[in-house]
Amino acid sequence: MRWREGLTECRQMLGIENNTTSHTEKIISGLGGLTGILAVYWITYTAFANAEAGTTAFVLMVTSMGASAVLLFAVPHGALSQPWAVFGGHIISAFIGVSCHLLIDNTPLAGAIAVGAAIAAMHYLRCIHPPGGATALAAVIGGSDVYAAGYHFLVMPVLVNVLAILATAILFNSLFPHRRYPAHLTRRQRKTVPVEPQTRQFDLTQEDFAAAMTKLDSYMDINSEALVELLELAKQQAEQRSTHPGQIVTGHYYSNGKLGSLWAVRRASAASEHGMSNSSNIHWKTVAGTGLGEEGVYSLEIFQAWARYPVVLQNGHWVRSDDQDADT
């Protein structure tokens, strides 16, 4: 239906992705964030034992750590969440923020330069961490308590907060084998079933992915190692199934098995349902992927050659169908 196609296009324009995370995982992430912020409060309060707990500096840094908590406990395996990104992102940004405040009299200009310089520095030092931008800005607009601290602001409270939330992330995520933090611990313990290379028509390599990511020339919150591992698992899954359906069942959905902009899902229906007399033809309509909304007629043989396997819609994602009638 056209309204569904319009809704899909709107969702894609807004960047609303389907979330396949289980309810348990979502709850664990929330509990992790709660635990992390409590740890930051407690450790910072202890470190500020001789100061009023409600100082401007204290409040600002807890706010900054709240952003880090989202990354550390909701996406602990993301590139933006790893220890160097968190540590370097906050400390380097704090240094830049304090320096901009001391060197530039105009506060709005100092804040803007601090954030811009922090982004560039995090890029070059390989520690991009979005909350670092908030830390740089806090050093400029934080008020008298922050200004009085000077470069000591990097140690108290920034360093104290960073170490507290990193320690909590390591301990909390260690309770769940699939969430080990840093991400390297999870990759090291995961075992995959090897597939003989000779059974494949081609094999993408680590170097291929590194080259492709270079051509994109845009930072992505996933490294080439994790991307290769994800594709390897997907390829192993693909190799366990047949390449083309032996029979096309009208009313079912089929994928062409491609990736990216070449991928498409089409619904097959009998040509006779659309006023066409040739029963050996298949009327199709693209319901997902490239050419969304397009429709046409293929001979049965051509549609079989196009279709890689039957699919069904589950939790907002198209997955291979377990319906054996469609595969036979």
C-alpha atoms as a PDB file:
ATOM      1  CA  MET A   1       0.000   0.000   0.000  1.00  0.00           C
ATOM      2  CA  ARG A   2       1.174   3.503  -0.821  1.00  0.00           C
ATOM      3  CA  TRP A   3       0.885   4.781   2.748  1.00  0.00           C
ATOM      4  CA  ARG A   4       3.223   2.015   3.917  1.00  0.00           C
ATOM      5  CA  GLU A   5       5.709   2.886   1.192  1.00  0.00           C
ATOM      6  CA  GLY A   6       5.524   6.549   2.227  1.00  0.00           C
ATOM      7  CA  LEU A   7       6.013   5.610   5.879  1.00  0.00           C
ATOM      8  CA  THR A   8       9.059   3.483   4.991  1.00  0.00           C
ATOM      9  CA  GLU A   9      10.571   6.332   2.978  1.00  0.00           C
ATOM     10  CA  CYS A  10       9.953   8.756   5.860  1.00  0.00           C
ATOM     11  CA  ARG A  11      11.557   6.348   8.348  1.00  0.00           C
ATOM     12  CA  GLN A  12      14.634   5.975   6.147  1.00  0.00           C
ATOM     13  CA  MET A  13      14.944   9.745   5.682  1.00  0.00           C
ATOM     14  CA  LEU A  14      14.832  10.229   9.465  1.00  0.00           C
ATOM     15  CA  GLY A  15      17.382   7.450  10.005  1.00  0.00           C
ATOM     16  CA  ILE A  16      15.078   5.378  12.216  1.00  0.00           C
ATOM     17  CA  GLU A  17      16.650   1.929  12.201  1.00  0.00           C
ATOM     18  CA  ASN A  18      14.951  -1.304  13.224  1.00  0.00           C
ATOM     19  CA  ASN A  19      16.138  -2.368  16.683  1.00  0.00           C
ATOM     20  CA  THR A  20      16.546  -6.133  17.049  1.00  0.00           C
ATOM     21  CA  THR A  21      17.968  -5.929  20.581  1.00  0.00           C
ATOM     22  CA  SER A  22      16.119  -8.179  23.023  1.00  0.00           C
ATOM     23  CA  HIS A  23      14.118  -6.766  25.933  1.00  0.00           C
ATOM     24  CA  THR A  24      16.620  -8.350  28.328  1.00  0.00           C
ATOM     25  CA  GLU A  25      19.522  -6.571  26.665  1.00  0.00           C
ATOM     26  CA  LYS A  26      17.713  -3.238  26.775  1.00  0.00           C
ATOM     27  CA  ILE A  27      17.038  -3.646  30.500  1.00  0.00           C
ATOM     28  CA  ILE A  28      20.666  -4.642  31.137  1.00  0.00           C
ATOM     29  CA  SER A  29      21.807  -1.487  29.320  1.00  0.00           C
ATOM     30  CA  GLY A  30      19.538   0.656  31.489  1.00  0.00           C
ATOM     31  CA  LEU A  31      20.755  -0.986  34.691  1.00  0.00           C
ATOM     32  CA  GLY A  32      24.331  -0.500  33.528  1.00  0.00           C
ATOM     33  CA  GLY A  33      23.762   3.209  33.017  1.00  0.00           C
ATOM     34  CA  LEU A  34      22.173   3.486  36.463  1.00  0.00           C
ATOM     35  CA  THR A  35      25.109   1.671  38.061  1.00  0.00           C
ATOM     36  CA  GLY A  36      27.672   3.729  36.168  1.00  0.00           C
ATOM     37  CA  ILE A  37      26.227   7.094  37.154  1.00  0.00           C
ATOM     38  CA  LEU A  38      25.838   6.019  40.791  1.00  0.00           C
ATOM     39  CA  ALA A  39      29.519   5.072  40.779  1.00  0.00           C
ATOM     40  CA  VAL A  40      30.479   8.439  39.313  1.00  0.00           C
ATOM     41  CA  TYR A  41      28.387  10.241  41.948  1.00  0.00           C
ATOM     42  CA  TRP A  42      29.859   8.252  44.814  1.00  0.00           C
ATOM     43  CA  ILE A  43      33.506   8.416  43.717  1.00  0.00           C
ATOM     44  CA  THR A  44      33.278  12.100  42.793  1.00  0.00           C
ATOM     45  CA  TYR A  45      31.553  12.900  46.080  1.00  0.00           C
ATOM     46  CA  THR A  46      34.356  11.118  47.942  1.00  0.00           C
ATOM     47  CA  ALA A  47      37.009  12.946  45.936  1.00  0.00           C
ATOM     48  CA  PHE A  48      35.259  16.260  46.669  1.00  0.00           C
ATOM     49  CA  ALA A  49      34.958  15.469  50.388  1.00  0.00           C
ATOM     50  CA  ASN A  50      36.238  18.919  51.306  1.00  0.00           C
ATOM     51  CA  ALA A  51      33.967  20.739  48.856  1.00  0.00           C
ATOM     52  CA  GLU A  52      30.249  21.213  48.570  1.00  0.00           C
ATOM     53  CA  ALA A  53      28.808  18.259  46.608  1.00  0.00           C
ATOM     54  CA  GLY A  54      26.554  20.511  44.575  1.00  0.00           C
ATOM     55  CA  THR A  55      29.275  22.685  43.032  1.00  0.00           C
ATOM     56  CA  THR A  56      28.913  23.694  39.405  1.00  0.00           C
ATOM     57  CA  ALA A  57      31.903  21.611  38.367  1.00  0.00           C
ATOM     58  CA  PHE A  58      30.479  18.519  40.010  1.00  0.00           C
ATOM     59  CA  VAL A  59      27.094  18.845  38.334  1.00  0.00           C
ATOM     60  CA  LEU A  60      28.564  19.579  34.892  1.00  0.00           C
ATOM     61  CA  MET A  61      30.834  16.595  34.890  1.00  0.00           C
ATOM     62  CA  VAL A  62      28.123  14.198  35.992  1.00  0.00           C
ATOM     63  CA  THR A  63      26.059  15.488  33.051  1.00  0.00           C
ATOM     64  CA  SER A  64      28.958  14.823  30.709  1.00  0.00           C
ATOM     65  CA  MET A  65      29.376  11.316  32.091  1.00  0.00           C
ATOM     66  CA  GLY A  66      25.684  10.639  31.467  1.00  0.00           C
ATOM     67  CA  ALA A  67      26.387  10.850  27.743  1.00  0.00           C
ATOM     68  CA  SER A  68      29.326   8.470  28.113  1.00  0.00           C
ATOM     69  CA  ALA A  69      27.139   6.040  30.064  1.00  0.00           C
ATOM     70  CA  VAL A  70      24.829   5.687  27.057  1.00  0.00           C
ATOM     71  CA  LEU A  71      27.745   4.512  24.918  1.00  0.00           C
ATOM     72  CA  LEU A  72      29.448   2.339  27.537  1.00  0.00           C
ATOM     73  CA  PHE A  73      26.326   0.439  28.569  1.00  0.00           C
ATOM     74  CA  ALA A  74      24.074   0.555  25.487  1.00  0.00           C
ATOM     75  CA  VAL A  75      26.768  -0.048  22.838  1.00  0.00           C
ATOM     76  CA  PRO A  76      29.772  -1.391  24.782  1.00  0.00           C
ATOM     77  CA  HIS A  77      31.313  -2.914  21.653  1.00  0.00           C
ATOM     78  CA  GLY A  78      31.116   0.258  19.558  1.00  0.00           C
ATOM     79  CA  ALA A  79      34.282   2.011  18.436  1.00  0.00           C
ATOM     80  CA  LEU A  80      33.183   5.214  20.204  1.00  0.00           C
ATOM     81  CA  SER A  81      32.841   3.330  23.497  1.00  0.00           C
ATOM     82  CA  GLN A  82      36.283   1.784  23.828  1.00  0.00           C
ATOM     83  CA  PRO A  83      38.628   2.768  26.719  1.00  0.00           C
ATOM     84  CA  TRP A  84      40.991   4.982  24.723  1.00  0.00           C
ATOM     85  CA  ALA A  85      38.057   6.789  23.116  1.00  0.00           C
ATOM     86  CA  VAL A  86      36.510   7.505  26.534  1.00  0.00           C
ATOM     87  CA  PHE A  87      39.754   8.415  28.289  1.00  0.00           C
ATOM     88  CA  GLY A  88      41.387  10.367  25.479  1.00  0.00           C
ATOM     89  CA  GLY A  89      38.153  11.977  24.354  1.00  0.00           C
ATOM     90  CA  HIS A  90      37.429  13.515  27.753  1.00  0.00           C
ATOM     91  CA  ILE A  91      40.966  14.416  28.882  1.00  0.00           C
ATOM     92  CA  ILE A  92      42.095  15.923  25.574  1.00  0.00           C
ATOM     93  CA  SER A  93      38.836  17.832  25.179  1.00  0.00           C
ATOM     94  CA  ALA A  94      39.094  19.162  28.735  1.00  0.00           C
ATOM     95  CA  PHE A  95      42.629  20.419  28.038  1.00  0.00           C
ATOM     96  CA  ILE A  96      41.489  22.166  24.870  1.00  0.00           C
ATOM     97  CA  GLY A  97      38.481  23.678  26.650  1.00  0.00           C
ATOM     98  CA  VAL A  98      40.525  25.091  29.522  1.00  0.00           C
ATOM     99  CA  SER A  99      43.113  26.458  27.085  1.00  0.00           C
ATOM    100  CA  CYS A 100      40.460  28.179  24.981  1.00  0.00           C
ATOM    101  CA  HIS A 101      38.940  29.782  28.078  1.00  0.00           C
ATOM    102  CA  LEU A 102      42.316  31.129  29.193  1.00  0.00           C
ATOM    103  CA  LEU A 103      43.368  32.386  25.763  1.00  0.00           C
ATOM    104  CA  ILE A 104      40.125  33.756  24.306  1.00  0.00           C
ATOM    105  CA  ASP A 105      38.147  36.495  26.078  1.00  0.00           C
ATOM    106  CA  ASN A 106      34.967  36.048  24.027  1.00  0.00           C
ATOM    107  CA  THR A 107      33.073  33.177  25.698  1.00  0.00           C
ATOM    108  CA  PRO A 108      30.810  32.155  22.766  1.00  0.00           C
ATOM    109  CA  LEU A 109      33.790  32.171  20.393  1.00  0.00           C
ATOM    110  CA  ALA A 110      35.953  30.294  22.900  1.00  0.00           C
ATOM    111  CA  GLY A 111      33.266  27.629  23.302  1.00  0.00           C
ATOM    112  CA  ALA A 112      32.839  27.178  19.569  1.00  0.00           C
ATOM    113  CA  ILE A 113      36.592  26.937  18.962  1.00  0.00           C
ATOM    114  CA  ALA A 114      36.955  24.509  21.884  1.00  0.00           C
ATOM    115  CA  VAL A 115      34.358  22.100  20.484  1.00  0.00           C
ATOM    116  CA  GLY A 116      35.690  22.334  16.917  1.00  0.00           C
ATOM    117  CA  ALA A 117      39.293  21.864  18.017  1.00  0.00           C
ATOM    118  CA  ALA A 118      38.307  18.949  20.273  1.00  0.00           C
ATOM    119  CA  ILE A 119      36.602  17.177  17.366  1.00  0.00           C
ATOM    120  CA  ALA A 120      39.660  17.600  15.149  1.00  0.00           C
ATOM    121  CA  ALA A 121      42.026  16.483  17.924  1.00  0.00           C
ATOM    122  CA  MET A 122      39.934  13.382  18.695  1.00  0.00           C
ATOM    123  CA  HIS A 123      39.963  12.531  14.989  1.00  0.00           C
ATOM    124  CA  TYR A 124      43.752  12.758  14.731  1.00  0.00           C
ATOM    125  CA  LEU A 125      44.397  10.984  18.032  1.00  0.00           C
ATOM    126  CA  ARG A 126      41.899   8.190  17.232  1.00  0.00           C
ATOM    127  CA  CYS A 127      39.749   8.769  20.287  1.00  0.00           C
ATOM    128  CA  ILE A 128      36.450  10.113  18.962  1.00  0.00           C
ATOM    129  CA  HIS A 129      33.985  10.177  21.837  1.00  0.00           C
ATOM    130  CA  PRO A 130      30.959  12.497  21.384  1.00  0.00           C
ATOM    131  CA  PRO A 131      30.650  13.398  25.100  1.00  0.00           C
ATOM    132  CA  GLY A 132      34.147  14.856  24.795  1.00  0.00           C
ATOM    133  CA  GLY A 133      32.597  17.803  22.973  1.00  0.00           C
ATOM    134  CA  ALA A 134      30.438  18.465  26.043  1.00  0.00           C
ATOM    135  CA  THR A 135      33.523  18.308  28.263  1.00  0.00           C
ATOM    136  CA  ALA A 136      35.331  20.890  26.116  1.00  0.00           C
ATOM    137  CA  LEU A 137      32.322  23.198  26.243  1.00  0.00           C
ATOM    138  CA  ALA A 138      31.910  22.727  30.012  1.00  0.00           C
ATOM    139  CA  ALA A 139      35.461  23.980  30.545  1.00  0.00           C
ATOM    140  CA  VAL A 140      34.534  27.220  28.773  1.00  0.00           C
ATOM    141  CA  ILE A 141      31.055  27.930  30.151  1.00  0.00           C
ATOM    142  CA  GLY A 142      31.264  26.064  33.452  1.00  0.00           C
ATOM    143  CA  GLY A 143      31.320  29.128  35.676  1.00  0.00           C
ATOM    144  CA  SER A 144      33.515  30.341  38.533  1.00  0.00           C
ATOM    145  CA  ASP A 145      34.187  26.915  40.100  1.00  0.00           C
ATOM    146  CA  VAL A 146      35.500  25.540  36.825  1.00  0.00           C
ATOM    147  CA  TYR A 147      37.472  28.707  36.027  1.00  0.00           C
ATOM    148  CA  ALA A 148      39.117  28.661  39.464  1.00  0.00           C
ATOM    149  CA  ALA A 149      40.314  25.098  38.942  1.00  0.00           C
ATOM    150  CA  GLY A 150      42.286  25.956  35.789  1.00  0.00           C
ATOM    151  CA  TYR A 151      44.161  22.985  34.384  1.00  0.00           C
ATOM    152  CA  HIS A 152      43.482  21.122  37.635  1.00  0.00           C
ATOM    153  CA  PHE A 153      40.008  20.668  36.094  1.00  0.00           C
ATOM    154  CA  LEU A 154      41.562  17.870  33.972  1.00  0.00           C
ATOM    155  CA  VAL A 155      42.320  15.853  37.106  1.00  0.00           C
ATOM    156  CA  MET A 156      39.509  16.882  39.416  1.00  0.00           C
ATOM    157  CA  PRO A 157      36.802  16.103  38.405  1.00  0.00           C
ATOM    158  CA  VAL A 158      37.400  14.948  34.782  1.00  0.00           C
ATOM    159  CA  LEU A 159      39.975  12.202  35.401  1.00  0.00           C
ATOM    160  CA  VAL A 160      38.133  10.999  38.506  1.00  0.00           C
ATOM    161  CA  ASN A 161      34.860  10.714  36.566  1.00  0.00           C
ATOM    162  CA  VAL A 162      36.464   8.973  33.593  1.00  0.00           C
ATOM    163  CA  LEU A 163      38.233   6.349  35.708  1.00  0.00           C
ATOM    164  CA  ALA A 164      35.063   5.747  37.719  1.00  0.00           C
ATOM    165  CA  ILE A 165      32.835   5.120  34.724  1.00  0.00           C
ATOM    166  CA  LEU A 166      35.447   3.005  32.900  1.00  0.00           C
ATOM    167  CA  ALA A 167      35.980   0.802  35.961  1.00  0.00           C
ATOM    168  CA  THR A 168      32.233   0.380  36.357  1.00  0.00           C
ATOM    169  CA  ALA A 169      31.815  -0.508  32.682  1.00  0.00           C
ATOM    170  CA  ILE A 170      34.510  -3.186  32.905  1.00  0.00           C
ATOM    171  CA  LEU A 171      33.060  -4.733  36.066  1.00  0.00           C
ATOM    172  CA  PHE A 172      29.384  -4.518  35.112  1.00  0.00           C
ATOM    173  CA  ASN A 173      29.770  -5.834  31.560  1.00  0.00           C
ATOM    174  CA  SER A 174      31.985  -8.694  32.788  1.00  0.00           C
ATOM    175  CA  LEU A 175      28.866 -10.165  34.411  1.00  0.00           C
ATOM    176  CA  PHE A 176      27.540 -11.001  30.933  1.00  0.00           C
ATOM    177  CA  PRO A 177      29.820 -13.089  28.641  1.00  0.00           C
ATOM    178  CA  HIS A 178      28.407 -11.528  25.465  1.00  0.00           C
ATOM    179  CA  ARG A 179      29.064  -7.994  26.779  1.00  0.00           C
ATOM    180  CA  ARG A 180      32.702  -8.280  27.870  1.00  0.00           C
ATOM    181  CA  TYR A 181      34.362  -4.863  27.862  1.00  0.00           C
ATOM    182  CA  PRO A 182      36.640  -3.771  26.199  1.00  0.00           C
ATOM    183  CA  ALA A 183      35.275  -5.257  22.961  1.00  0.00           C
ATOM    184  CA  HIS A 184      38.532  -7.126  22.310  1.00  0.00           C
ATOM    185  CA  LEU A 185      37.722  -9.506  25.173  1.00  0.00           C
ATOM    186  CA  THR A 186      34.478 -10.573  23.503  1.00  0.00           C
ATOM    187  CA  ARG A 187      36.081 -11.096  20.085  1.00  0.00           C
ATOM    188  CA  ARG A 188      38.913 -13.115  21.616  1.00  0.00           C
ATOM    189  CA  GLN A 189      36.628 -15.604  23.367  1.00  0.00           C
ATOM    190  CA  ARG A 190      34.095 -16.029  20.538  1.00  0.00           C
ATOM    191  CA  LYS A 191      34.520 -19.168  18.458  1.00  0.00           C
ATOM    192  CA  THR A 192      33.215 -19.490  14.920  1.00  0.00           C
ATOM    193  CA  VAL A 193      32.846 -22.592  12.784  1.00  0.00           C
ATOM    194  CA  PRO A 194      35.406 -22.417   9.970  1.00  0.00           C
ATOM    195  CA  VAL A 195      34.232 -22.860   6.385  1.00  0.00           C
ATOM    196  CA  GLU A 196      36.534 -24.369   3.791  1.00  0.00           C
ATOM    197  CA  PRO A 197      37.681 -21.568   1.420  1.00  0.00           C
ATOM    198  CA  GLN A 198      37.374 -23.807  -1.646  1.00  0.00           C
ATOM    199  CA  THR A 199      33.602 -24.012  -1.159  1.00  0.00           C
ATOM    200  CA  ARG A 200      33.263 -20.309  -1.931  1.00  0.00           C
ATOM    201  CA  GLN A 201      33.283 -18.541  -5.244  1.00  0.00           C
ATOM    202  CA  PHE A 202      35.172 -15.615  -3.688  1.00  0.00           C
ATOM    203  CA  ASP A 203      36.373 -14.484  -0.295  1.00  0.00           C
ATOM    204  CA  LEU A 204      36.515 -10.907   0.921  1.00  0.00           C
ATOM    205  CA  THR A 205      39.610 -10.100   2.947  1.00  0.00           C
ATOM    206  CA  GLN A 206      40.520  -7.814   5.823  1.00  0.00           C
ATOM    207  CA  GLU A 207      42.385  -5.642   3.341  1.00  0.00           C
ATOM    208  CA  ASP A 208      39.278  -5.326   1.154  1.00  0.00           C
ATOM    209  CA  PHE A 209      37.307  -3.917   4.067  1.00  0.00           C
ATOM    210  CA  ALA A 210      40.088  -1.543   5.092  1.00  0.00           C
ATOM    211  CA  ALA A 211      40.238  -0.208   1.529  1.00  0.00           C
ATOM    212  CA  ALA A 212      36.450   0.133   1.314  1.00  0.00           C
ATOM    213  CA  MET A 213      36.267   2.058   4.602  1.00  0.00           C
ATOM    214  CA  THR A 214      39.002   4.368   3.326  1.00  0.00           C
ATOM    215  CA  LYS A 215      37.001   5.108   0.178  1.00  0.00           C
ATOM    216  CA  LEU A 216      33.927   6.023   2.249  1.00  0.00           C
ATOM    217  CA  ASP A 217      36.036   8.760   3.894  1.00  0.00           C
ATOM    218  CA  SER A 218      33.620   9.037   6.808  1.00  0.00           C
ATOM    219  CA  TYR A 219      33.965   7.913  10.422  1.00  0.00           C
ATOM    220  CA  MET A 220      31.845   4.867  11.297  1.00  0.00           C
ATOM    221  CA  ASP A 221      31.186   3.480  14.763  1.00  0.00           C
ATOM    222  CA  ILE A 222      32.507   0.060  13.781  1.00  0.00           C
ATOM    223  CA  ASN A 223      36.036  -1.041  13.013  1.00  0.00           C
ATOM    224  CA  SER A 224      37.125  -3.232  10.122  1.00  0.00           C
ATOM    225  CA  GLU A 225      37.744  -6.251  12.385  1.00  0.00           C
ATOM    226  CA  ALA A 226      34.171  -6.224  13.718  1.00  0.00           C
ATOM    227  CA  LEU A 227      32.794  -5.661  10.222  1.00  0.00           C
ATOM    228  CA  VAL A 228      34.757  -8.610   8.826  1.00  0.00           C
ATOM    229  CA  GLU A 229      33.568 -10.823  11.679  1.00  0.00           C
ATOM    230  CA  LEU A 230      29.955  -9.813  11.076  1.00  0.00           C
ATOM    231  CA  LEU A 231      30.187 -10.577   7.363  1.00  0.00           C
ATOM    232  CA  GLU A 232      31.933 -13.900   8.032  1.00  0.00           C
ATOM    233  CA  LEU A 233      29.071 -15.006  10.268  1.00  0.00           C
ATOM    234  CA  ALA A 234      26.559 -13.875   7.650  1.00  0.00           C
ATOM    235  CA  LYS A 235      28.394 -15.788   4.905  1.00  0.00           C
ATOM    236  CA  GLN A 236      28.457 -18.939   7.000  1.00  0.00           C
ATOM    237  CA  GLN A 237      24.721 -18.574   7.526  1.00  0.00           C
ATOM    238  CA  ALA A 238      24.192 -18.078   3.784  1.00  0.00           C
ATOM    239  CA  GLU A 239      26.212 -21.159   2.864  1.00  0.00           C
ATOM    240  CA  GLN A 240      23.945 -23.389   4.944  1.00  0.00           C
ATOM    241  CA  ARG A 241      20.990 -22.747   2.641  1.00  0.00           C
ATOM    242  CA  SER A 242      20.137 -23.436  -1.000  1.00  0.00           C
ATOM    243  CA  THR A 243      20.864 -20.771  -3.595  1.00  0.00           C
ATOM    244  CA  HIS A 244      17.507 -20.579  -5.413  1.00  0.00           C
ATOM    245  CA  PRO A 245      13.986 -21.789  -4.617  1.00  0.00           C
ATOM    246  CA  GLY A 246      12.872 -24.763  -6.690  1.00  0.00           C
ATOM    247  CA  GLN A 247       9.284 -23.528  -6.711  1.00  0.00           C
ATOM    248  CA  ILE A 248       7.765 -20.057  -6.601  1.00  0.00           C
ATOM    249  CA  VAL A 249       4.709 -19.873  -4.364  1.00  0.00           C
ATOM    250  CA  THR A 250       2.292 -17.049  -5.101  1.00  0.00           C
ATOM    251  CA  GLY A 251       1.654 -14.762  -2.176  1.00  0.00           C
ATOM    252  CA  HIS A 252       5.164 -15.347  -0.796  1.00  0.00           C
ATOM    253  CA  TYR A 253       8.066 -12.914  -0.636  1.00  0.00           C
ATOM    254  CA  TYR A 254      11.512 -13.434  -2.176  1.00  0.00           C
ATOM    255  CA  SER A 255      14.877 -11.712  -1.810  1.00  0.00           C
ATOM    256  CA  ASN A 256      17.537 -11.412  -4.488  1.00  0.00           C
ATOM    257  CA  GLY A 257      20.213 -11.988  -1.833  1.00  0.00           C
ATOM    258  CA  LYS A 258      22.189  -8.869  -2.726  1.00  0.00           C
ATOM    259  CA  LEU A 259      23.736  -6.329  -0.377  1.00  0.00           C
ATOM    260  CA  GLY A 260      23.332  -2.592   0.081  1.00  0.00           C
ATOM    261  CA  SER A 261      21.710  -0.624  -2.737  1.00  0.00           C
ATOM    262  CA  LEU A 262      21.298  -3.781  -4.871  1.00  0.00           C
ATOM    263  CA  TRP A 263      19.129  -5.610  -2.315  1.00  0.00           C
ATOM    264  CA  ALA A 264      15.395  -5.997  -2.938  1.00  0.00           C
ATOM    265  CA  VAL A 265      12.418  -8.039  -1.724  1.00  0.00           C
ATOM    266  CA  ARG A 266       9.517  -8.791  -4.053  1.00  0.00           C
ATOM    267  CA  ARG A 267       6.088 -10.298  -3.549  1.00  0.00           C
ATOM    268  CA  ALA A 268       5.129 -12.928  -6.125  1.00  0.00           C
ATOM    269  CA  SER A 269       1.563 -13.299  -7.333  1.00  0.00           C
ATOM    270  CA  ALA A 270      -0.082 -15.109 -10.232  1.00  0.00           C
ATOM    271  CA  ALA A 271      -0.297 -13.082 -13.422  1.00  0.00           C
ATOM    272  CA  SER A 272      -3.943 -14.188 -13.808  1.00  0.00           C
ATOM    273  CA  GLU A 273      -4.804 -12.256 -10.649  1.00  0.00           C
ATOM    274  CA  HIS A 274      -3.932  -9.087 -12.559  1.00  0.00           C
ATOM    275  CA  GLY A 275      -5.940  -9.796 -15.694  1.00  0.00           C
ATOM    276  CA  MET A 276      -3.175 -11.627 -17.573  1.00  0.00           C
ATOM    277  CA  SER A 277      -3.990 -14.910 -19.295  1.00  0.00           C
ATOM    278  CA  ASN A 278      -0.527 -16.504 -19.266  1.00  0.00           C
ATOM    279  CA  SER A 279      -0.440 -18.527 -16.053  1.00  0.00           C
ATOM    280  CA  SER A 280       3.278 -19.293 -16.428  1.00  0.00           C
ATOM    281  CA  ASN A 281       4.121 -15.633 -15.754  1.00  0.00           C
ATOM    282  CA  ILE A 282       4.737 -14.172 -12.309  1.00  0.00           C
ATOM    283  CA  HIS A 283       3.539 -10.704 -11.385  1.00  0.00           C
ATOM    284  CA  TRP A 284       5.903  -9.141  -8.854  1.00  0.00           C
ATOM    285  CA  LYS A 285       6.007  -6.013  -6.705  1.00  0.00           C
ATOM    286  CA  THR A 286       9.030  -4.685  -4.828  1.00  0.00           C
ATOM    287  CA  VAL A 287       8.137  -4.239  -1.156  1.00  0.00           C
ATOM    288  CA  ALA A 288      11.590  -3.459   0.280  1.00  0.00           C
ATOM    289  CA  GLY A 289      14.983  -2.293  -0.909  1.00  0.00           C
ATOM    290  CA  THR A 290      15.888  -0.756  -4.245  1.00  0.00           C
ATOM    291  CA  GLY A 291      12.964   0.012  -6.547  1.00  0.00           C
ATOM    292  CA  LEU A 292      10.452   0.107  -3.697  1.00  0.00           C
ATOM    293  CA  GLY A 293       6.922   0.166  -5.105  1.00  0.00           C
ATOM    294  CA  GLU A 294       7.911  -0.951  -8.603  1.00  0.00           C
ATOM    295  CA  GLU A 295       6.046  -3.869 -10.166  1.00  0.00           C
ATOM    296  CA  GLY A 296       6.152  -5.916 -13.326  1.00  0.00           C
ATOM    297  CA  VAL A 297       5.803  -9.346 -14.920  1.00  0.00           C
ATOM    298  CA  TYR A 298       8.486 -11.986 -15.408  1.00  0.00           C
ATOM    299  CA  SER A 299       8.320 -15.459 -16.795  1.00  0.00           C
ATOM    300  CA  LEU A 300       8.509 -18.107 -14.096  1.00  0.00           C
ATOM    301  CA  GLU A 301      12.070 -19.017 -15.136  1.00  0.00           C
ATOM    302  CA  ILE A 302      13.300 -15.429 -15.006  1.00  0.00           C
ATOM    303  CA  PHE A 303      11.733 -14.800 -11.598  1.00  0.00           C
ATOM    304  CA  GLN A 304      13.286 -18.022 -10.249  1.00  0.00           C
ATOM    305  CA  ALA A 305      16.666 -16.888 -11.512  1.00  0.00           C
ATOM    306  CA  TRP A 306      16.189 -13.491  -9.825  1.00  0.00           C
ATOM    307  CA  ALA A 307      14.944 -14.916  -6.493  1.00  0.00           C
ATOM    308  CA  ARG A 308      17.647 -16.215  -4.182  1.00  0.00           C
ATOM    309  CA  TYR A 309      15.430 -17.460  -1.343  1.00  0.00           C
ATOM    310  CA  PRO A 310      12.021 -16.857   0.295  1.00  0.00           C
ATOM    311  CA  VAL A 311      11.826 -14.377   3.165  1.00  0.00           C
ATOM    312  CA  VAL A 312       9.373 -13.281   5.853  1.00  0.00           C
ATOM    313  CA  LEU A 313       9.120 -10.075   7.862  1.00  0.00           C
ATOM    314  CA  GLN A 314      10.071 -10.578  11.523  1.00  0.00           C
ATOM    315  CA  ASN A 315      10.426  -7.763  14.069  1.00  0.00           C
ATOM    316  CA  GLY A 316      10.817  -5.235  11.275  1.00  0.00           C
ATOM    317  CA  HIS A 317      13.556  -7.205   9.474  1.00  0.00           C
ATOM    318  CA  TRP A 318      13.374  -9.475   6.439  1.00  0.00           C
ATOM    319  CA  VAL A 319      14.776 -12.914   7.304  1.00  0.00           C
ATOM    320  CA  ARG A 320      14.961 -16.215   5.442  1.00  0.00           C
ATOM    321  CA  SER A 321      11.742 -18.175   5.627  1.00  0.00           C
ATOM    322  CA  ASP A 322      11.574 -21.455   7.523  1.00  0.00           C
ATOM    323  CA  ASP A 323       8.530 -22.442   5.497  1.00  0.00           C
ATOM    324  CA  GLN A 324       9.689 -25.649   3.845  1.00  0.00           C
ATOM    325  CA  ASP A 325       6.872 -25.521   1.296  1.00  0.00           C
ATOM    326  CA  ALA A 326       8.426 -22.377  -0.115  1.00  0.00           C
ATOM    327  CA  ASP A 327      11.849 -23.939  -0.331  1.00  0.00           C
ATOM    328  CA  THR A 328      10.916 -27.199  -2.025  1.00  0.00           C
END
